[in-house]
Each structure stands twice: as C-alpha cells, then as structure tokens.
Amino acid sequence: MLEKKIVIQLLHIINSDGDIKKLRHSGLTYRQIAELIDANVTNGNLDGNDDIVTITQQGKDLLQVNKGEIKERDKSKWIEIDFKNKMQQIDKEDVFLPRKNDMSFLK
C-alpha cells in the first residue's frame, strides 16, 4: 500500500514537472528514488529516453485512477503543532494583549 502511494506520488511529480522533495520528505534516499524511477521505466509507467524521464500513457492512466491516494488525509501529518507559541487558556471575559517580543511569529 505504501509503495503504491509512493509510485503514484512519483508519477504525479514527473507529470507536473515537480520537485522530489516530497519523496525525500517521505523518507526515501536519492538512491531509492533512482531505483523507483528505473523500476517504473521497466514496467512501462515512465519513459527514460535521452536522459529525460517522462510519463507514458500507461503511467498517466495509473495516475488518473489512483490520484486520490496521494492526498494526505491525516492532518496531524501535515500540520505541525507550534508548542513554542502555545498560550495558557484564559477566561472568555479576559482580554489578552501580547507584547510584540513575546510572540515569535510577529517578528
């Protein structure tokens, strides 16, 4: 399941002339990405002629059918909690006026 998601992500990146940072963020090394590209050239999803990797019609069809798999649905994986700026809960009748130096996101 995870490998299929990574293959679909690779096809999406190549189809949209994207950056492989997403694959690196998924934990793949450059070597693993190269092996993944080679495997997809072999199975017909990608074309690797003239040192340029392009997506084939078979790869486009596979991408179109499985495009929903590359969206991350678990928000805890793509939204990071900001503990540094977390504040104590205050009563709804209180008013909070922070000093500019207290909030790092205001700098």
N, C-alpha and C. Protein backbone atom coordinates (compact mmCIF):
# COMPACT_ATOMS: atom_id res chain seq x y z
N MET A 1 0.83 -1.20 0.00
CA MET A 1 0.00 0.00 0.00
C MET A 1 0.86 1.25 0.00
N LEU A 2 1.87 1.28 0.88
CA LEU A 2 2.74 2.44 0.94
C LEU A 2 3.54 2.61 -0.34
N GLU A 3 4.01 1.49 -0.91
CA GLU A 3 4.79 1.58 -2.14
C GLU A 3 3.93 2.09 -3.29
N LYS A 4 2.67 1.67 -3.35
CA LYS A 4 1.78 2.15 -4.41
C LYS A 4 1.58 3.66 -4.28
N LYS A 5 1.44 4.13 -3.06
CA LYS A 5 1.28 5.56 -2.83
C LYS A 5 2.52 6.32 -3.29
N ILE A 6 3.69 5.76 -3.03
CA ILE A 6 4.93 6.40 -3.44
C ILE A 6 5.08 6.41 -4.96
N VAL A 7 4.66 5.31 -5.60
CA VAL A 7 4.71 5.25 -7.07
C VAL A 7 3.78 6.30 -7.66
N ILE A 8 2.58 6.42 -7.11
CA ILE A 8 1.63 7.41 -7.60
C ILE A 8 2.18 8.82 -7.38
N GLN A 9 2.82 9.04 -6.25
CA GLN A 9 3.42 10.34 -5.97
C GLN A 9 4.54 10.64 -6.97
N LEU A 10 5.35 9.64 -7.28
CA LEU A 10 6.41 9.81 -8.27
C LEU A 10 5.83 10.17 -9.64
N LEU A 11 4.78 9.45 -10.05
CA LEU A 11 4.15 9.74 -11.34
C LEU A 11 3.57 11.15 -11.36
N HIS A 12 2.99 11.57 -10.25
CA HIS A 12 2.43 12.92 -10.17
C HIS A 12 3.54 13.98 -10.27
N ILE A 13 4.65 13.74 -9.60
CA ILE A 13 5.78 14.68 -9.64
C ILE A 13 6.32 14.80 -11.06
N ILE A 14 6.49 13.69 -11.74
CA ILE A 14 7.04 13.72 -13.10
C ILE A 14 6.03 14.32 -14.07
N ASN A 15 4.76 14.02 -13.89
CA ASN A 15 3.73 14.56 -14.77
C ASN A 15 3.61 16.08 -14.65
N SER A 16 3.82 16.61 -13.46
CA SER A 16 3.67 18.05 -13.24
C SER A 16 5.00 18.79 -13.18
N ASP A 17 6.08 18.14 -13.58
CA ASP A 17 7.43 18.73 -13.52
C ASP A 17 7.72 19.26 -12.13
N GLY A 18 7.37 18.46 -11.12
CA GLY A 18 7.54 18.87 -9.72
C GLY A 18 8.92 18.58 -9.19
N ASP A 19 9.03 18.69 -7.89
CA ASP A 19 10.29 18.52 -7.18
C ASP A 19 10.23 17.23 -6.36
N ILE A 20 11.35 16.54 -6.23
CA ILE A 20 11.34 15.27 -5.50
C ILE A 20 11.44 15.46 -3.99
N LYS A 21 11.33 16.70 -3.52
CA LYS A 21 11.38 16.94 -2.07
C LYS A 21 10.29 16.17 -1.34
N LYS A 22 9.14 16.00 -1.98
CA LYS A 22 8.06 15.24 -1.33
C LYS A 22 8.48 13.80 -1.10
N LEU A 23 9.20 13.22 -2.05
CA LEU A 23 9.67 11.85 -1.88
C LEU A 23 10.76 11.79 -0.81
N ARG A 24 11.61 12.79 -0.78
CA ARG A 24 12.65 12.84 0.26
C ARG A 24 12.00 13.01 1.63
N HIS A 25 10.94 13.81 1.69
CA HIS A 25 10.22 14.02 2.94
C HIS A 25 9.54 12.72 3.40
N SER A 26 9.19 11.86 2.45
CA SER A 26 8.58 10.57 2.79
C SER A 26 9.60 9.59 3.35
N GLY A 27 10.88 9.95 3.30
CA GLY A 27 11.92 9.11 3.88
C GLY A 27 12.75 8.35 2.87
N LEU A 28 12.55 8.61 1.58
CA LEU A 28 13.33 7.91 0.55
C LEU A 28 14.68 8.59 0.35
N THR A 29 15.69 7.79 0.09
CA THR A 29 17.00 8.33 -0.25
C THR A 29 17.05 8.58 -1.75
N TYR A 30 18.06 9.31 -2.20
CA TYR A 30 18.20 9.56 -3.63
C TYR A 30 18.38 8.24 -4.39
N ARG A 31 19.09 7.31 -3.79
CA ARG A 31 19.29 6.01 -4.42
C ARG A 31 17.96 5.27 -4.58
N GLN A 32 17.12 5.30 -3.53
CA GLN A 32 15.82 4.64 -3.62
C GLN A 32 14.93 5.30 -4.66
N ILE A 33 15.01 6.61 -4.78
CA ILE A 33 14.23 7.32 -5.80
C ILE A 33 14.70 6.92 -7.19
N ALA A 34 16.01 6.82 -7.38
CA ALA A 34 16.55 6.39 -8.67
C ALA A 34 16.11 4.96 -9.00
N GLU A 35 16.13 4.08 -8.01
CA GLU A 35 15.68 2.71 -8.23
C GLU A 35 14.19 2.66 -8.54
N LEU A 36 13.42 3.50 -7.90
CA LEU A 36 11.99 3.58 -8.16
C LEU A 36 11.72 4.06 -9.59
N ILE A 37 12.49 5.03 -10.03
CA ILE A 37 12.35 5.52 -11.41
C ILE A 37 12.72 4.41 -12.38
N ASP A 38 13.83 3.71 -12.14
CA ASP A 38 14.24 2.60 -13.01
C ASP A 38 13.18 1.51 -13.07
N ALA A 39 12.59 1.17 -11.94
CA ALA A 39 11.55 0.14 -11.90
C ALA A 39 10.33 0.56 -12.71
N ASN A 40 9.98 1.84 -12.65
CA ASN A 40 8.82 2.32 -13.39
C ASN A 40 9.11 2.50 -14.87
N VAL A 41 10.36 2.73 -15.24
CA VAL A 41 10.73 2.71 -16.66
C VAL A 41 10.61 1.29 -17.19
N THR A 42 11.05 0.32 -16.39
CA THR A 42 10.99 -1.08 -16.79
C THR A 42 9.55 -1.57 -16.95
N ASN A 43 8.66 -1.18 -16.03
CA ASN A 43 7.28 -1.67 -16.12
C ASN A 43 6.40 -0.82 -17.04
N GLY A 44 6.92 0.23 -17.64
CA GLY A 44 6.19 0.97 -18.66
C GLY A 44 5.45 2.21 -18.20
N ASN A 45 5.57 2.58 -16.94
CA ASN A 45 4.89 3.78 -16.47
C ASN A 45 5.65 5.06 -16.84
N LEU A 46 6.96 4.93 -17.02
CA LEU A 46 7.81 6.06 -17.37
C LEU A 46 8.65 5.72 -18.58
N ASP A 47 9.05 6.77 -19.28
CA ASP A 47 9.93 6.61 -20.44
C ASP A 47 11.23 7.35 -20.12
N GLY A 48 12.35 6.66 -20.23
CA GLY A 48 13.63 7.26 -19.86
C GLY A 48 14.57 7.44 -21.02
N ASN A 49 14.10 7.92 -22.13
CA ASN A 49 14.95 8.13 -23.31
C ASN A 49 15.68 9.47 -23.22
N ASP A 50 16.89 9.50 -23.75
CA ASP A 50 17.69 10.74 -23.86
C ASP A 50 17.89 11.44 -22.53
N ASP A 51 18.08 10.70 -21.46
CA ASP A 51 18.33 11.25 -20.13
C ASP A 51 17.20 12.14 -19.60
N ILE A 52 16.02 12.05 -20.23
CA ILE A 52 14.86 12.80 -19.76
C ILE A 52 13.78 11.79 -19.41
N VAL A 53 13.27 11.88 -18.20
CA VAL A 53 12.23 10.96 -17.76
C VAL A 53 10.87 11.62 -17.98
N THR A 54 10.01 10.94 -18.73
CA THR A 54 8.66 11.43 -18.97
C THR A 54 7.67 10.33 -18.62
N ILE A 55 6.45 10.72 -18.40
CA ILE A 55 5.40 9.76 -18.05
C ILE A 55 4.75 9.24 -19.33
N THR A 56 4.50 7.95 -19.39
CA THR A 56 3.85 7.34 -20.54
C THR A 56 2.33 7.41 -20.38
N GLN A 57 1.62 7.00 -21.41
CA GLN A 57 0.16 6.98 -21.32
C GLN A 57 -0.30 5.98 -20.26
N GLN A 58 0.40 4.86 -20.16
CA GLN A 58 0.09 3.88 -19.12
C GLN A 58 0.25 4.50 -17.74
N GLY A 59 1.31 5.27 -17.55
CA GLY A 59 1.55 5.95 -16.29
C GLY A 59 0.49 7.01 -16.01
N LYS A 60 0.07 7.75 -17.05
CA LYS A 60 -0.98 8.75 -16.88
C LYS A 60 -2.30 8.10 -16.48
N ASP A 61 -2.60 6.95 -17.09
CA ASP A 61 -3.82 6.23 -16.74
C ASP A 61 -3.78 5.76 -15.29
N LEU A 62 -2.64 5.20 -14.87
CA LEU A 62 -2.47 4.75 -13.49
C LEU A 62 -2.59 5.92 -12.52
N LEU A 63 -2.01 7.05 -12.88
CA LEU A 63 -2.09 8.25 -12.04
C LEU A 63 -3.52 8.74 -11.93
N GLN A 64 -4.24 8.76 -13.04
CA GLN A 64 -5.61 9.26 -13.03
C GLN A 64 -6.52 8.39 -12.15
N VAL A 65 -6.34 7.08 -12.22
CA VAL A 65 -7.17 6.16 -11.44
C VAL A 65 -6.87 6.27 -9.94
N ASN A 66 -5.60 6.50 -9.60
CA ASN A 66 -5.18 6.46 -8.19
C ASN A 66 -4.78 7.82 -7.62
N LYS A 67 -5.18 8.89 -8.25
CA LYS A 67 -4.75 10.23 -7.83
C LYS A 67 -5.18 10.56 -6.40
N GLY A 68 -6.30 10.00 -5.95
CA GLY A 68 -6.79 10.27 -4.60
C GLY A 68 -5.90 9.72 -3.50
N GLU A 69 -5.02 8.79 -3.83
CA GLU A 69 -4.15 8.18 -2.82
C GLU A 69 -3.01 9.08 -2.36
N ILE A 70 -2.67 10.09 -3.14
CA ILE A 70 -1.52 10.92 -2.76
C ILE A 70 -1.90 12.06 -1.84
N LYS A 71 -3.19 12.27 -1.62
CA LYS A 71 -3.61 13.31 -0.69
C LYS A 71 -3.50 12.79 0.73
N GLU A 72 -2.88 13.57 1.56
CA GLU A 72 -2.72 13.19 2.97
C GLU A 72 -3.97 13.62 3.72
N ARG A 73 -4.66 12.65 4.28
CA ARG A 73 -5.92 12.93 4.95
C ARG A 73 -5.75 13.16 6.46
N ASP A 74 -4.68 12.66 7.02
CA ASP A 74 -4.44 12.80 8.45
C ASP A 74 -3.73 14.13 8.69
N LYS A 75 -4.48 15.12 9.22
CA LYS A 75 -3.91 16.46 9.36
C LYS A 75 -2.74 16.51 10.33
N SER A 76 -2.64 15.53 11.22
CA SER A 76 -1.51 15.54 12.15
C SER A 76 -0.18 15.30 11.43
N LYS A 77 -0.23 14.77 10.23
CA LYS A 77 0.99 14.53 9.46
C LYS A 77 1.42 15.74 8.64
N TRP A 78 0.52 16.68 8.39
CA TRP A 78 0.91 17.84 7.60
C TRP A 78 0.72 19.16 8.31
N ILE A 79 0.17 19.14 9.52
CA ILE A 79 0.09 20.35 10.34
C ILE A 79 0.89 20.09 11.61
N GLU A 80 1.92 20.86 11.79
CA GLU A 80 2.78 20.67 12.95
C GLU A 80 2.33 21.58 14.09
N ILE A 81 2.24 21.03 15.27
CA ILE A 81 1.82 21.80 16.43
C ILE A 81 2.95 22.76 16.81
N ASP A 82 2.57 24.00 17.08
CA ASP A 82 3.53 25.04 17.44
C ASP A 82 3.56 25.19 18.95
N PHE A 83 4.39 24.38 19.60
CA PHE A 83 4.48 24.42 21.06
C PHE A 83 5.14 25.69 21.58
N LYS A 84 6.00 26.28 20.77
CA LYS A 84 6.75 27.45 21.20
C LYS A 84 5.81 28.64 21.47
N ASN A 85 4.75 28.77 20.71
CA ASN A 85 3.83 29.90 20.86
C ASN A 85 2.52 29.52 21.53
N LYS A 86 2.49 28.36 22.15
CA LYS A 86 1.27 27.92 22.83
C LYS A 86 1.06 28.78 24.07
N MET A 87 -0.20 29.18 24.28
CA MET A 87 -0.52 30.02 25.41
C MET A 87 -1.48 29.28 26.34
N GLN A 88 -1.52 29.74 27.58
CA GLN A 88 -2.47 29.19 28.52
C GLN A 88 -3.86 29.65 28.14
N GLN A 89 -4.83 28.79 28.39
CA GLN A 89 -6.21 29.16 28.12
C GLN A 89 -6.64 30.22 29.14
N ILE A 90 -7.31 31.24 28.63
CA ILE A 90 -7.78 32.31 29.52
C ILE A 90 -9.30 32.31 29.55
N ASP A 91 -9.85 32.95 30.53
CA ASP A 91 -11.30 33.04 30.66
C ASP A 91 -11.86 33.87 29.50
N LYS A 92 -13.05 33.59 29.10
CA LYS A 92 -13.62 34.29 27.95
C LYS A 92 -13.90 35.76 28.24
N GLU A 93 -13.90 36.14 29.49
CA GLU A 93 -14.11 37.55 29.86
C GLU A 93 -12.80 38.34 29.86
N ASP A 94 -11.66 37.64 29.84
CA ASP A 94 -10.36 38.30 29.86
C ASP A 94 -9.95 38.73 28.46
N VAL A 95 -9.11 39.74 28.40
CA VAL A 95 -8.56 40.23 27.15
C VAL A 95 -7.05 40.02 27.20
N PHE A 96 -6.51 39.44 26.13
CA PHE A 96 -5.07 39.18 26.07
C PHE A 96 -4.43 40.13 25.07
N LEU A 97 -3.50 40.90 25.53
CA LEU A 97 -2.75 41.81 24.68
C LEU A 97 -1.27 41.45 24.78
N PRO A 98 -0.73 40.69 23.83
CA PRO A 98 0.66 40.26 23.93
C PRO A 98 1.63 41.38 23.59
N ARG A 99 2.81 41.29 24.18
CA ARG A 99 3.89 42.18 23.78
C ARG A 99 4.48 41.62 22.49
N LYS A 100 4.91 42.48 21.64
CA LYS A 100 5.43 42.06 20.33
C LYS A 100 6.60 41.08 20.50
N ASN A 101 7.45 41.29 21.49
CA ASN A 101 8.62 40.43 21.68
C ASN A 101 8.25 39.04 22.21
N ASP A 102 7.05 38.89 22.77
CA ASP A 102 6.63 37.60 23.31
C ASP A 102 6.20 36.61 22.23
N MET A 103 5.81 37.09 21.10
CA MET A 103 5.31 36.21 20.03
C MET A 103 6.33 36.16 18.90
N SER A 104 6.92 35.00 18.70
CA SER A 104 7.97 34.88 17.69
C SER A 104 7.42 35.01 16.27
N PHE A 105 6.13 34.70 16.05
CA PHE A 105 5.59 34.79 14.70
C PHE A 105 5.32 36.23 14.29
N LEU A 106 5.40 37.17 15.23
CA LEU A 106 5.22 38.59 14.90
C LEU A 106 6.53 39.26 14.50
N LYS A 107 7.63 38.57 14.67
CA LYS A 107 8.95 39.15 14.36
C LYS A 107 9.23 39.13 12.90
